[in-house]
Amino acid sequence: MAADMAVTEVETAITRLGRITSDIKTKTSLFGTPQDTRANHDQLNALAKEGNDSVQMLRKQLQSLSSATSTANKSAVRKLSKGFQAQVTAFEQACSSMVASEKSAVELIRRTSTKLDPSAQDGLACNEDQLYAQAQVSVYNEDDLVRREEDIVKINHQLREIKAAYEEVGGLLEDQKDVVIEIANNTEAARENARDGLENVQQADKKTGYCTCTCCYLCTIM
C-alpha cells in the first residue's frame, strides 16, 4: 500500500514537472516582444528553481523506490524512471533555450548600445522593461544587465544539477535492467529444471512400465 502511494506521488510530480516545462516555453516565447518584462523573467527564474527542486526530489524518490520495491515491482519503477528522464530532458532543453536567448539578447545590447552614465544622465530615462521588450536599445543601465547575467549564471548552475540527477537515474535504470535480466535468466533456469524433472519422471515411468511387462511375461512362461 505504501509503495503504491509512493508510485502515485512520483507520477504526480513527473506530470507537474511537465507543466512547469510548458510554462517556461510559453514565457520564453515572449522574449523580445512588447509583452516581455522584468516580471516575466522573475517568474521564469522561479519556474526554473521550482523545476530543479522537483527534479532533485524525484531523483531521491526514485532511488528510494528502487531500493525498497520488491523484485516483482521493479518494472513499475523502471517505467517511472524512463518517464522521469523524458520529462527532465524536455525541462533541460526548455531551460537551455531560455539561457541561449538571454545570452544573445545581453550580448546584442552590450554590442550595439551605450551604457548609461549615472553622473551625466541629462534627462535620459532608462526603463529596465525596455531591455526585455526589444532587442535593440540605445542606452542601458549596467545594473539591469548584470542582473540578467546573474540570472543566466543561476540557471546554468541548476542545469548542471539537473544533468547530474538525470545521470543518476540513468544508473538506476541500468541496475534495474540487470535485475530484469537476472529475473529472466532465473525464470529460464527454473523452466529448464522443470523440463528436466519432467523428463526424468517420464523416463522413470517408462522403465517401471517396461519392468512390469517383463515380469508379467516371465511369470507367464513359468
N, C-alpha and C. Protein backbone atom coordinates (compact mmCIF):
# COMPACT_ATOMS: atom_id res chain seq x y z
N MET A 1 0.84 -1.20 0.00
CA MET A 1 0.00 0.00 0.00
C MET A 1 0.87 1.25 0.00
N ALA A 2 1.88 1.28 0.87
CA ALA A 2 2.78 2.43 0.94
C ALA A 2 3.54 2.60 -0.37
N ALA A 3 3.95 1.48 -0.96
CA ALA A 3 4.67 1.53 -2.23
C ALA A 3 3.79 2.10 -3.33
N ASP A 4 2.50 1.70 -3.33
CA ASP A 4 1.57 2.21 -4.34
C ASP A 4 1.39 3.72 -4.21
N MET A 5 1.31 4.20 -2.96
CA MET A 5 1.17 5.64 -2.73
C MET A 5 2.41 6.39 -3.20
N ALA A 6 3.57 5.79 -2.96
CA ALA A 6 4.82 6.42 -3.39
C ALA A 6 4.89 6.51 -4.91
N VAL A 7 4.44 5.46 -5.57
CA VAL A 7 4.42 5.45 -7.04
C VAL A 7 3.50 6.54 -7.56
N THR A 8 2.33 6.68 -6.94
CA THR A 8 1.37 7.71 -7.34
C THR A 8 1.95 9.11 -7.15
N GLU A 9 2.66 9.31 -6.04
CA GLU A 9 3.28 10.61 -5.78
C GLU A 9 4.32 10.95 -6.85
N VAL A 10 5.10 9.96 -7.23
CA VAL A 10 6.11 10.18 -8.26
C VAL A 10 5.45 10.50 -9.60
N GLU A 11 4.41 9.76 -9.94
CA GLU A 11 3.68 10.02 -11.19
C GLU A 11 3.14 11.45 -11.22
N THR A 12 2.57 11.90 -10.09
CA THR A 12 2.03 13.26 -10.00
C THR A 12 3.12 14.30 -10.15
N ALA A 13 4.26 14.05 -9.51
CA ALA A 13 5.38 15.00 -9.58
C ALA A 13 5.95 15.09 -10.99
N ILE A 14 6.01 13.96 -11.69
CA ILE A 14 6.50 13.96 -13.08
C ILE A 14 5.57 14.77 -13.97
N THR A 15 4.26 14.61 -13.76
CA THR A 15 3.28 15.39 -14.52
C THR A 15 3.43 16.89 -14.23
N ARG A 16 3.65 17.22 -12.96
CA ARG A 16 3.82 18.62 -12.57
C ARG A 16 5.07 19.22 -13.23
N LEU A 17 6.14 18.43 -13.33
CA LEU A 17 7.36 18.89 -13.99
C LEU A 17 7.07 19.21 -15.46
N GLY A 18 6.21 18.41 -16.08
CA GLY A 18 5.83 18.67 -17.47
C GLY A 18 5.10 19.99 -17.62
N ARG A 19 4.25 20.32 -16.64
CA ARG A 19 3.53 21.61 -16.68
C ARG A 19 4.50 22.78 -16.50
N ILE A 20 5.48 22.60 -15.62
CA ILE A 20 6.49 23.65 -15.41
C ILE A 20 7.24 23.91 -16.72
N THR A 21 7.59 22.84 -17.41
CA THR A 21 8.30 22.97 -18.69
C THR A 21 7.46 23.74 -19.70
N SER A 22 6.17 23.43 -19.75
CA SER A 22 5.26 24.14 -20.68
C SER A 22 5.18 25.62 -20.35
N ASP A 23 5.12 25.94 -19.05
CA ASP A 23 5.06 27.35 -18.63
C ASP A 23 6.34 28.09 -19.02
N ILE A 24 7.48 27.41 -18.87
CA ILE A 24 8.76 28.04 -19.25
C ILE A 24 8.78 28.34 -20.74
N LYS A 25 8.33 27.39 -21.55
CA LYS A 25 8.30 27.59 -23.00
C LYS A 25 7.40 28.77 -23.37
N THR A 26 6.24 28.85 -22.71
CA THR A 26 5.30 29.94 -23.00
C THR A 26 5.90 31.30 -22.68
N LYS A 27 6.54 31.41 -21.52
CA LYS A 27 7.11 32.69 -21.10
C LYS A 27 8.36 33.04 -21.91
N THR A 28 9.12 32.03 -22.30
CA THR A 28 10.30 32.28 -23.12
C THR A 28 9.90 32.81 -24.50
N SER A 29 8.74 32.38 -24.99
CA SER A 29 8.27 32.83 -26.31
C SER A 29 7.99 34.33 -26.33
N LEU A 30 7.90 34.96 -25.15
CA LEU A 30 7.65 36.40 -25.07
C LEU A 30 8.92 37.23 -25.21
N PHE A 31 10.09 36.57 -25.18
CA PHE A 31 11.36 37.29 -25.25
C PHE A 31 11.40 38.19 -26.49
N GLY A 32 11.83 39.46 -26.26
CA GLY A 32 11.98 40.38 -27.37
C GLY A 32 10.69 40.97 -27.90
N THR A 33 9.58 40.71 -27.22
CA THR A 33 8.28 41.26 -27.63
C THR A 33 7.84 42.32 -26.62
N PRO A 34 6.86 43.14 -26.98
CA PRO A 34 6.37 44.16 -26.03
C PRO A 34 5.80 43.57 -24.74
N GLN A 35 5.46 42.27 -24.77
CA GLN A 35 4.89 41.62 -23.58
C GLN A 35 5.96 41.18 -22.58
N ASP A 36 7.22 41.23 -23.01
CA ASP A 36 8.29 40.77 -22.12
C ASP A 36 8.65 41.87 -21.12
N THR A 37 8.79 41.49 -19.86
CA THR A 37 9.10 42.43 -18.79
C THR A 37 10.06 41.78 -17.80
N ARG A 38 10.55 42.57 -16.86
CA ARG A 38 11.37 42.01 -15.79
C ARG A 38 10.55 41.03 -14.97
N ALA A 39 9.27 41.32 -14.79
CA ALA A 39 8.41 40.43 -14.02
C ALA A 39 8.32 39.06 -14.69
N ASN A 40 8.29 39.04 -16.02
CA ASN A 40 8.25 37.78 -16.75
C ASN A 40 9.50 36.96 -16.48
N HIS A 41 10.64 37.63 -16.41
CA HIS A 41 11.91 36.93 -16.16
C HIS A 41 12.01 36.47 -14.70
N ASP A 42 11.45 37.26 -13.80
CA ASP A 42 11.40 36.82 -12.39
C ASP A 42 10.59 35.54 -12.27
N GLN A 43 9.48 35.49 -13.00
CA GLN A 43 8.63 34.29 -12.98
C GLN A 43 9.36 33.11 -13.61
N LEU A 44 10.13 33.36 -14.66
CA LEU A 44 10.91 32.30 -15.28
C LEU A 44 11.97 31.75 -14.32
N ASN A 45 12.62 32.65 -13.60
CA ASN A 45 13.62 32.21 -12.61
C ASN A 45 12.97 31.34 -11.54
N ALA A 46 11.77 31.74 -11.11
CA ALA A 46 11.05 30.97 -10.09
C ALA A 46 10.65 29.60 -10.64
N LEU A 47 10.23 29.56 -11.90
CA LEU A 47 9.85 28.28 -12.53
C LEU A 47 11.07 27.37 -12.67
N ALA A 48 12.20 27.95 -13.07
CA ALA A 48 13.43 27.15 -13.21
C ALA A 48 13.84 26.55 -11.87
N LYS A 49 13.74 27.34 -10.81
CA LYS A 49 14.08 26.85 -9.47
C LYS A 49 13.09 25.77 -9.04
N GLU A 50 11.80 26.01 -9.27
CA GLU A 50 10.79 25.02 -8.90
C GLU A 50 11.01 23.71 -9.65
N GLY A 51 11.34 23.83 -10.93
CA GLY A 51 11.60 22.64 -11.72
C GLY A 51 12.82 21.88 -11.23
N ASN A 52 13.89 22.60 -10.91
CA ASN A 52 15.09 21.95 -10.39
C ASN A 52 14.82 21.27 -9.06
N ASP A 53 14.08 21.95 -8.18
CA ASP A 53 13.72 21.35 -6.89
C ASP A 53 12.91 20.07 -7.11
N SER A 54 12.00 20.11 -8.08
CA SER A 54 11.18 18.95 -8.38
C SER A 54 12.03 17.79 -8.91
N VAL A 55 13.00 18.12 -9.76
CA VAL A 55 13.90 17.09 -10.30
C VAL A 55 14.69 16.42 -9.19
N GLN A 56 15.23 17.21 -8.26
CA GLN A 56 16.02 16.65 -7.16
C GLN A 56 15.16 15.79 -6.24
N MET A 57 13.92 16.23 -5.99
CA MET A 57 13.01 15.46 -5.15
C MET A 57 12.66 14.13 -5.82
N LEU A 58 12.39 14.18 -7.12
CA LEU A 58 12.06 12.96 -7.86
C LEU A 58 13.24 11.99 -7.88
N ARG A 59 14.44 12.53 -8.02
CA ARG A 59 15.63 11.67 -8.01
C ARG A 59 15.71 10.87 -6.71
N LYS A 60 15.49 11.56 -5.58
CA LYS A 60 15.54 10.89 -4.28
C LYS A 60 14.41 9.86 -4.15
N GLN A 61 13.22 10.22 -4.62
CA GLN A 61 12.08 9.31 -4.52
C GLN A 61 12.31 8.05 -5.35
N LEU A 62 12.86 8.23 -6.54
CA LEU A 62 13.11 7.08 -7.40
C LEU A 62 14.20 6.18 -6.82
N GLN A 63 15.21 6.79 -6.22
CA GLN A 63 16.26 5.99 -5.57
C GLN A 63 15.67 5.18 -4.42
N SER A 64 14.81 5.82 -3.64
CA SER A 64 14.17 5.15 -2.51
C SER A 64 13.27 4.02 -2.99
N LEU A 65 12.49 4.28 -4.03
CA LEU A 65 11.60 3.25 -4.57
C LEU A 65 12.39 2.08 -5.14
N SER A 66 13.48 2.39 -5.80
CA SER A 66 14.28 1.35 -6.44
C SER A 66 14.87 0.39 -5.41
N SER A 67 15.26 0.92 -4.26
CA SER A 67 15.88 0.07 -3.22
C SER A 67 14.83 -0.64 -2.37
N ALA A 68 13.64 -0.05 -2.25
CA ALA A 68 12.62 -0.62 -1.36
C ALA A 68 11.61 -1.51 -2.07
N THR A 69 11.45 -1.32 -3.37
CA THR A 69 10.43 -2.06 -4.11
C THR A 69 10.82 -3.51 -4.27
N SER A 70 9.83 -4.38 -4.18
CA SER A 70 10.08 -5.81 -4.36
C SER A 70 10.49 -6.08 -5.80
N THR A 71 11.14 -7.21 -5.99
CA THR A 71 11.62 -7.57 -7.32
C THR A 71 10.50 -7.60 -8.34
N ALA A 72 9.33 -8.03 -7.91
CA ALA A 72 8.19 -8.14 -8.82
C ALA A 72 7.73 -6.79 -9.35
N ASN A 73 7.99 -5.69 -8.58
CA ASN A 73 7.54 -4.36 -8.97
C ASN A 73 8.64 -3.51 -9.59
N LYS A 74 9.77 -4.10 -9.89
CA LYS A 74 10.87 -3.34 -10.47
C LYS A 74 10.49 -2.74 -11.82
N SER A 75 9.64 -3.43 -12.57
CA SER A 75 9.23 -2.93 -13.88
C SER A 75 8.47 -1.61 -13.75
N ALA A 76 7.68 -1.45 -12.68
CA ALA A 76 6.94 -0.21 -12.45
C ALA A 76 7.91 0.94 -12.18
N VAL A 77 8.93 0.68 -11.38
CA VAL A 77 9.94 1.70 -11.08
C VAL A 77 10.72 2.05 -12.34
N ARG A 78 11.00 1.05 -13.14
CA ARG A 78 11.72 1.29 -14.40
C ARG A 78 10.90 2.19 -15.33
N LYS A 79 9.60 1.96 -15.39
CA LYS A 79 8.72 2.79 -16.21
C LYS A 79 8.71 4.23 -15.71
N LEU A 80 8.64 4.40 -14.39
CA LEU A 80 8.67 5.74 -13.79
C LEU A 80 10.00 6.43 -14.10
N SER A 81 11.08 5.69 -14.01
CA SER A 81 12.41 6.27 -14.26
C SER A 81 12.53 6.76 -15.69
N LYS A 82 11.97 6.00 -16.63
CA LYS A 82 12.01 6.42 -18.03
C LYS A 82 11.15 7.66 -18.24
N GLY A 83 9.99 7.70 -17.57
CA GLY A 83 9.13 8.88 -17.66
C GLY A 83 9.82 10.11 -17.09
N PHE A 84 10.54 9.90 -15.99
CA PHE A 84 11.31 10.98 -15.36
C PHE A 84 12.36 11.51 -16.33
N GLN A 85 13.10 10.61 -16.95
CA GLN A 85 14.16 11.02 -17.86
C GLN A 85 13.60 11.81 -19.05
N ALA A 86 12.45 11.38 -19.55
CA ALA A 86 11.83 12.08 -20.69
C ALA A 86 11.44 13.51 -20.30
N GLN A 87 10.85 13.66 -19.11
CA GLN A 87 10.43 15.00 -18.67
C GLN A 87 11.63 15.87 -18.33
N VAL A 88 12.66 15.27 -17.75
CA VAL A 88 13.87 16.04 -17.41
C VAL A 88 14.55 16.53 -18.69
N THR A 89 14.57 15.69 -19.71
CA THR A 89 15.15 16.10 -20.99
C THR A 89 14.42 17.31 -21.56
N ALA A 90 13.08 17.26 -21.53
CA ALA A 90 12.28 18.38 -22.03
C ALA A 90 12.51 19.64 -21.20
N PHE A 91 12.58 19.47 -19.87
CA PHE A 91 12.80 20.61 -18.97
C PHE A 91 14.18 21.22 -19.21
N GLU A 92 15.18 20.37 -19.35
CA GLU A 92 16.55 20.85 -19.58
C GLU A 92 16.64 21.61 -20.90
N GLN A 93 15.98 21.09 -21.93
CA GLN A 93 16.00 21.75 -23.24
C GLN A 93 15.32 23.12 -23.17
N ALA A 94 14.21 23.20 -22.43
CA ALA A 94 13.49 24.48 -22.29
C ALA A 94 14.37 25.51 -21.57
N CYS A 95 15.05 25.07 -20.51
CA CYS A 95 15.93 25.98 -19.75
C CYS A 95 17.14 26.38 -20.58
N SER A 96 17.70 25.44 -21.34
CA SER A 96 18.86 25.75 -22.18
C SER A 96 18.49 26.75 -23.27
N SER A 97 17.29 26.59 -23.83
CA SER A 97 16.81 27.53 -24.85
C SER A 97 16.63 28.92 -24.25
N MET A 98 16.10 28.97 -23.03
CA MET A 98 15.92 30.24 -22.34
C MET A 98 17.27 30.93 -22.11
N VAL A 99 18.25 30.17 -21.65
CA VAL A 99 19.59 30.73 -21.38
C VAL A 99 20.23 31.24 -22.67
N ALA A 100 20.10 30.45 -23.75
CA ALA A 100 20.69 30.85 -25.03
C ALA A 100 20.09 32.17 -25.52
N SER A 101 18.77 32.29 -25.38
CA SER A 101 18.09 33.52 -25.80
C SER A 101 18.54 34.71 -24.96
N GLU A 102 18.67 34.50 -23.66
CA GLU A 102 19.12 35.56 -22.76
C GLU A 102 20.54 36.00 -23.09
N LYS A 103 21.42 35.05 -23.33
CA LYS A 103 22.81 35.38 -23.66
C LYS A 103 22.88 36.23 -24.92
N SER A 104 22.11 35.81 -25.94
CA SER A 104 22.12 36.54 -27.21
C SER A 104 21.62 37.97 -27.03
N ALA A 105 20.55 38.12 -26.24
CA ALA A 105 19.97 39.45 -26.01
C ALA A 105 20.95 40.36 -25.28
N VAL A 106 21.58 39.83 -24.23
CA VAL A 106 22.52 40.64 -23.45
C VAL A 106 23.73 41.03 -24.29
N GLU A 107 24.26 40.07 -25.06
CA GLU A 107 25.42 40.36 -25.90
C GLU A 107 25.09 41.42 -26.95
N LEU A 108 23.88 41.34 -27.50
CA LEU A 108 23.47 42.32 -28.51
C LEU A 108 23.36 43.72 -27.92
N ILE A 109 22.77 43.81 -26.73
CA ILE A 109 22.63 45.12 -26.07
C ILE A 109 23.99 45.72 -25.76
N ARG A 110 24.90 44.92 -25.26
CA ARG A 110 26.24 45.43 -24.93
C ARG A 110 26.99 45.88 -26.21
N ARG A 111 26.74 45.17 -27.27
CA ARG A 111 27.48 45.45 -28.51
C ARG A 111 26.93 46.67 -29.26
N THR A 112 25.63 46.89 -29.19
CA THR A 112 25.01 47.92 -30.03
C THR A 112 24.50 49.13 -29.26
N SER A 113 24.57 49.09 -27.93
CA SER A 113 24.01 50.19 -27.14
C SER A 113 25.07 50.84 -26.25
N THR A 114 24.69 51.97 -25.69
CA THR A 114 25.61 52.73 -24.83
C THR A 114 25.22 52.58 -23.37
N LYS A 115 26.24 52.33 -22.54
CA LYS A 115 25.97 52.21 -21.10
C LYS A 115 25.65 53.57 -20.52
N LEU A 116 24.60 53.60 -19.72
CA LEU A 116 24.16 54.85 -19.11
C LEU A 116 25.17 55.31 -18.06
N ASP A 117 25.55 56.59 -18.14
CA ASP A 117 26.45 57.18 -17.15
C ASP A 117 25.60 57.84 -16.06
N PRO A 118 25.58 57.26 -14.86
CA PRO A 118 24.72 57.80 -13.79
C PRO A 118 25.02 59.25 -13.44
N SER A 119 26.26 59.68 -13.66
CA SER A 119 26.64 61.05 -13.28
C SER A 119 26.27 62.08 -14.35
N ALA A 120 25.92 61.62 -15.52
CA ALA A 120 25.57 62.56 -16.60
C ALA A 120 24.41 62.02 -17.42
N GLN A 121 23.28 61.85 -16.76
CA GLN A 121 22.13 61.26 -17.44
C GLN A 121 21.47 62.25 -18.41
N ASP A 122 21.52 63.56 -18.11
CA ASP A 122 20.94 64.57 -18.98
C ASP A 122 19.49 64.27 -19.33
N GLY A 123 18.78 63.79 -18.30
CA GLY A 123 17.36 63.54 -18.51
C GLY A 123 17.04 62.24 -19.22
N LEU A 124 18.06 61.46 -19.55
CA LEU A 124 17.79 60.19 -20.23
C LEU A 124 17.13 59.21 -19.27
N ALA A 125 16.05 58.65 -19.70
CA ALA A 125 15.34 57.66 -18.88
C ALA A 125 15.71 56.27 -19.39
N CYS A 126 15.98 55.39 -18.46
CA CYS A 126 16.34 54.01 -18.84
C CYS A 126 15.40 53.06 -18.12
N ASN A 127 14.43 52.57 -18.84
CA ASN A 127 13.43 51.67 -18.28
C ASN A 127 13.91 50.23 -18.45
N GLU A 128 14.00 49.49 -17.34
CA GLU A 128 14.51 48.11 -17.43
C GLU A 128 13.63 47.25 -18.32
N ASP A 129 12.32 47.45 -18.25
CA ASP A 129 11.42 46.64 -19.09
C ASP A 129 11.71 46.83 -20.57
N GLN A 130 12.24 48.01 -20.93
CA GLN A 130 12.56 48.27 -22.33
C GLN A 130 13.64 47.31 -22.83
N LEU A 131 14.54 46.91 -21.93
CA LEU A 131 15.60 45.97 -22.31
C LEU A 131 15.02 44.62 -22.70
N TYR A 132 13.90 44.27 -22.09
CA TYR A 132 13.28 42.98 -22.37
C TYR A 132 12.32 43.07 -23.55
N ALA A 133 11.67 44.23 -23.70
CA ALA A 133 10.65 44.38 -24.74
C ALA A 133 11.23 44.47 -26.14
N GLN A 134 12.49 44.89 -26.27
CA GLN A 134 13.09 44.99 -27.60
C GLN A 134 14.57 44.66 -27.52
N ALA A 135 15.05 43.97 -28.54
CA ALA A 135 16.45 43.54 -28.54
C ALA A 135 17.39 44.72 -28.77
N GLN A 136 16.93 45.74 -29.51
CA GLN A 136 17.80 46.87 -29.85
C GLN A 136 17.42 48.09 -29.01
N VAL A 137 18.30 48.52 -28.14
CA VAL A 137 18.08 49.74 -27.34
C VAL A 137 19.31 50.62 -27.48
N SER A 138 19.12 51.93 -27.28
CA SER A 138 20.24 52.86 -27.47
C SER A 138 21.05 53.05 -26.20
N VAL A 139 20.36 52.97 -25.03
CA VAL A 139 21.04 53.18 -23.75
C VAL A 139 20.59 52.10 -22.76
N TYR A 140 21.53 51.60 -21.98
CA TYR A 140 21.16 50.58 -20.99
C TYR A 140 21.82 50.89 -19.65
N ASN A 141 21.18 50.41 -18.61
CA ASN A 141 21.71 50.55 -17.25
C ASN A 141 22.53 49.29 -16.94
N GLU A 142 23.76 49.48 -16.53
CA GLU A 142 24.65 48.34 -16.27
C GLU A 142 24.08 47.40 -15.21
N ASP A 143 23.47 47.95 -14.18
CA ASP A 143 22.91 47.12 -13.11
C ASP A 143 21.83 46.18 -13.66
N ASP A 144 21.04 46.67 -14.61
CA ASP A 144 19.98 45.85 -15.20
C ASP A 144 20.57 44.66 -15.96
N LEU A 145 21.62 44.93 -16.73
CA LEU A 145 22.24 43.84 -17.50
C LEU A 145 22.96 42.85 -16.58
N VAL A 146 23.59 43.37 -15.55
CA VAL A 146 24.26 42.49 -14.58
C VAL A 146 23.25 41.56 -13.94
N ARG A 147 22.07 42.08 -13.64
CA ARG A 147 21.02 41.25 -13.04
C ARG A 147 20.63 40.12 -13.99
N ARG A 148 20.53 40.44 -15.27
CA ARG A 148 20.20 39.40 -16.26
C ARG A 148 21.32 38.36 -16.36
N GLU A 149 22.55 38.82 -16.31
CA GLU A 149 23.68 37.89 -16.38
C GLU A 149 23.74 37.00 -15.15
N GLU A 150 23.36 37.54 -14.01
CA GLU A 150 23.30 36.72 -12.79
C GLU A 150 22.21 35.66 -12.91
N ASP A 151 21.11 36.01 -13.56
CA ASP A 151 20.05 35.02 -13.80
C ASP A 151 20.58 33.87 -14.63
N ILE A 152 21.37 34.21 -15.66
CA ILE A 152 21.94 33.19 -16.54
C ILE A 152 22.85 32.25 -15.76
N VAL A 153 23.67 32.81 -14.90
CA VAL A 153 24.60 32.00 -14.08
C VAL A 153 23.82 31.05 -13.18
N LYS A 154 22.76 31.55 -12.55
CA LYS A 154 21.95 30.71 -11.66
C LYS A 154 21.33 29.54 -12.40
N ILE A 155 20.75 29.83 -13.56
CA ILE A 155 20.07 28.77 -14.32
C ILE A 155 21.09 27.77 -14.86
N ASN A 156 22.26 28.24 -15.26
CA ASN A 156 23.31 27.32 -15.72
C ASN A 156 23.74 26.38 -14.60
N HIS A 157 23.82 26.91 -13.39
CA HIS A 157 24.16 26.08 -12.23
C HIS A 157 23.08 25.02 -12.00
N GLN A 158 21.83 25.43 -12.13
CA GLN A 158 20.72 24.49 -11.97
C GLN A 158 20.75 23.42 -13.06
N LEU A 159 21.14 23.81 -14.26
CA LEU A 159 21.23 22.85 -15.37
C LEU A 159 22.26 21.77 -15.07
N ARG A 160 23.37 22.15 -14.45
CA ARG A 160 24.38 21.15 -14.08
C ARG A 160 23.82 20.16 -13.06
N GLU A 161 23.04 20.67 -12.10
CA GLU A 161 22.41 19.80 -11.10
C GLU A 161 21.39 18.87 -11.76
N ILE A 162 20.66 19.40 -12.72
CA ILE A 162 19.65 18.62 -13.43
C ILE A 162 20.31 17.48 -14.22
N LYS A 163 21.42 17.80 -14.90
CA LYS A 163 22.13 16.77 -15.67
C LYS A 163 22.66 15.67 -14.75
N ALA A 164 23.15 16.06 -13.57
CA ALA A 164 23.65 15.08 -12.61
C ALA A 164 22.53 14.16 -12.15
N ALA A 165 21.34 14.72 -11.90
CA ALA A 165 20.20 13.92 -11.47
C ALA A 165 19.78 12.96 -12.58
N TYR A 166 19.81 13.43 -13.81
CA TYR A 166 19.46 12.60 -14.97
C TYR A 166 20.40 11.39 -15.06
N GLU A 167 21.68 11.65 -14.88
CA GLU A 167 22.67 10.57 -14.97
C GLU A 167 22.51 9.57 -13.84
N GLU A 168 22.17 10.06 -12.64
CA GLU A 168 21.96 9.15 -11.51
C GLU A 168 20.80 8.21 -11.78
N VAL A 169 19.71 8.75 -12.29
CA VAL A 169 18.55 7.91 -12.59
C VAL A 169 18.88 6.97 -13.76
N GLY A 170 19.73 7.43 -14.67
CA GLY A 170 20.19 6.55 -15.74
C GLY A 170 20.93 5.35 -15.17
N GLY A 171 21.71 5.58 -14.11
CA GLY A 171 22.39 4.48 -13.43
C GLY A 171 21.41 3.52 -12.79
N LEU A 172 20.33 4.08 -12.22
CA LEU A 172 19.28 3.23 -11.65
C LEU A 172 18.66 2.34 -12.71
N LEU A 173 18.44 2.92 -13.90
CA LEU A 173 17.84 2.15 -14.99
C LEU A 173 18.75 0.99 -15.40
N GLU A 174 20.06 1.23 -15.41
CA GLU A 174 20.99 0.16 -15.75
C GLU A 174 20.94 -0.94 -14.70
N ASP A 175 20.88 -0.53 -13.42
CA ASP A 175 20.77 -1.52 -12.34
C ASP A 175 19.49 -2.33 -12.47
N GLN A 176 18.39 -1.62 -12.79
CA GLN A 176 17.10 -2.31 -12.94
C GLN A 176 17.14 -3.25 -14.14
N LYS A 177 17.86 -2.84 -15.18
CA LYS A 177 17.99 -3.69 -16.36
C LYS A 177 18.70 -4.99 -16.00
N ASP A 178 19.75 -4.87 -15.18
CA ASP A 178 20.48 -6.06 -14.73
C ASP A 178 19.57 -6.98 -13.92
N VAL A 179 18.70 -6.36 -13.08
CA VAL A 179 17.77 -7.15 -12.28
C VAL A 179 16.79 -7.89 -13.18
N VAL A 180 16.28 -7.18 -14.20
CA VAL A 180 15.32 -7.79 -15.12
C VAL A 180 15.97 -8.96 -15.85
N ILE A 181 17.23 -8.77 -16.29
CA ILE A 181 17.95 -9.85 -16.97
C ILE A 181 18.15 -11.03 -16.03
N GLU A 182 18.50 -10.73 -14.77
CA GLU A 182 18.70 -11.79 -13.78
C GLU A 182 17.41 -12.56 -13.55
N ILE A 183 16.28 -11.82 -13.46
CA ILE A 183 14.98 -12.48 -13.27
C ILE A 183 14.68 -13.38 -14.46
N ALA A 184 14.94 -12.86 -15.67
CA ALA A 184 14.67 -13.65 -16.88
C ALA A 184 15.53 -14.91 -16.91
N ASN A 185 16.81 -14.76 -16.53
CA ASN A 185 17.70 -15.92 -16.50
C ASN A 185 17.25 -16.94 -15.46
N ASN A 186 16.85 -16.44 -14.29
CA ASN A 186 16.37 -17.35 -13.24
C ASN A 186 15.10 -18.06 -13.66
N THR A 187 14.22 -17.32 -14.34
CA THR A 187 12.97 -17.92 -14.82
C THR A 187 13.24 -19.00 -15.84
N GLU A 188 14.17 -18.72 -16.77
CA GLU A 188 14.50 -19.69 -17.79
C GLU A 188 15.17 -20.92 -17.16
N ALA A 189 16.03 -20.68 -16.16
CA ALA A 189 16.68 -21.80 -15.48
C ALA A 189 15.65 -22.67 -14.76
N ALA A 190 14.66 -22.01 -14.15
CA ALA A 190 13.61 -22.76 -13.46
C ALA A 190 12.81 -23.59 -14.45
N ARG A 191 12.55 -23.02 -15.63
CA ARG A 191 11.81 -23.77 -16.66
C ARG A 191 12.60 -24.98 -17.13
N GLU A 192 13.92 -24.76 -17.32
CA GLU A 192 14.77 -25.88 -17.75
C GLU A 192 14.80 -26.97 -16.69
N ASN A 193 14.89 -26.57 -15.42
CA ASN A 193 14.89 -27.56 -14.34
C ASN A 193 13.58 -28.33 -14.30
N ALA A 194 12.49 -27.59 -14.54
CA ALA A 194 11.17 -28.24 -14.55
C ALA A 194 11.07 -29.23 -15.70
N ARG A 195 11.59 -28.82 -16.88
CA ARG A 195 11.56 -29.73 -18.03
C ARG A 195 12.41 -30.97 -17.78
N ASP A 196 13.61 -30.74 -17.20
CA ASP A 196 14.49 -31.88 -16.89
C ASP A 196 13.82 -32.82 -15.89
N GLY A 197 13.17 -32.24 -14.89
CA GLY A 197 12.49 -33.06 -13.89
C GLY A 197 11.37 -33.87 -14.50
N LEU A 198 10.61 -33.23 -15.41
CA LEU A 198 9.51 -33.93 -16.06
C LEU A 198 10.02 -35.06 -16.93
N GLU A 199 11.13 -34.80 -17.65
CA GLU A 199 11.71 -35.85 -18.48
C GLU A 199 12.19 -37.02 -17.64
N ASN A 200 12.79 -36.74 -16.48
CA ASN A 200 13.26 -37.81 -15.59
C ASN A 200 12.09 -38.66 -15.10
N VAL A 201 10.99 -37.97 -14.75
CA VAL A 201 9.81 -38.70 -14.29
C VAL A 201 9.26 -39.57 -15.40
N GLN A 202 9.19 -39.01 -16.62
CA GLN A 202 8.66 -39.77 -17.75
C GLN A 202 9.53 -40.98 -18.06
N GLN A 203 10.85 -40.77 -17.99
CA GLN A 203 11.76 -41.89 -18.24
C GLN A 203 11.62 -42.96 -17.16
N ALA A 204 11.45 -42.52 -15.92
CA ALA A 204 11.27 -43.47 -14.82
C ALA A 204 9.97 -44.25 -15.00
N ASP A 205 8.92 -43.57 -15.46
CA ASP A 205 7.64 -44.23 -15.70
C ASP A 205 7.79 -45.28 -16.79
N LYS A 206 8.54 -44.94 -17.84
CA LYS A 206 8.74 -45.89 -18.93
C LYS A 206 9.48 -47.13 -18.45
N LYS A 207 10.53 -46.89 -17.62
CA LYS A 207 11.30 -48.02 -17.09
C LYS A 207 10.43 -48.90 -16.21
N THR A 208 9.62 -48.25 -15.38
CA THR A 208 8.72 -49.01 -14.49
C THR A 208 7.75 -49.84 -15.31
N GLY A 209 7.23 -49.24 -16.36
CA GLY A 209 6.29 -49.96 -17.23
C GLY A 209 6.97 -51.13 -17.91
N TYR A 210 8.22 -50.93 -18.35
CA TYR A 210 8.96 -51.99 -19.01
C TYR A 210 9.21 -53.15 -18.05
N CYS A 211 9.61 -52.82 -16.82
CA CYS A 211 9.88 -53.86 -15.82
C CYS A 211 8.61 -54.65 -15.51
N THR A 212 7.51 -53.96 -15.42
CA THR A 212 6.24 -54.63 -15.12
C THR A 212 5.86 -55.60 -16.22
N CYS A 213 6.04 -55.14 -17.46
CA CYS A 213 5.71 -56.00 -18.60
C CYS A 213 6.63 -57.22 -18.63
N THR A 214 7.91 -57.03 -18.34
CA THR A 214 8.88 -58.13 -18.35
C THR A 214 8.53 -59.17 -17.30
N CYS A 215 8.17 -58.70 -16.11
CA CYS A 215 7.81 -59.62 -15.02
C CYS A 215 6.58 -60.44 -15.40
N CYS A 216 5.63 -59.80 -16.00
CA CYS A 216 4.40 -60.50 -16.40
C CYS A 216 4.71 -61.56 -17.44
N TYR A 217 5.60 -61.21 -18.38
CA TYR A 217 5.97 -62.15 -19.43
C TYR A 217 6.67 -63.37 -18.85
N LEU A 218 7.59 -63.15 -17.90
CA LEU A 218 8.33 -64.24 -17.27
C LEU A 218 7.40 -65.14 -16.48
N CYS A 219 6.47 -64.51 -15.78
CA CYS A 219 5.52 -65.30 -14.99
C CYS A 219 4.69 -66.19 -15.89
N THR A 220 4.36 -65.69 -17.06
CA THR A 220 3.53 -66.46 -18.00
C THR A 220 4.30 -67.66 -18.50
N ILE A 221 5.60 -67.44 -18.80
CA ILE A 221 6.43 -68.55 -19.30
C ILE A 221 6.57 -69.63 -18.24
N MET A 222 6.78 -69.20 -17.00
CA MET A 222 6.97 -70.17 -15.93
C MET A 222 5.65 -70.88 -15.64
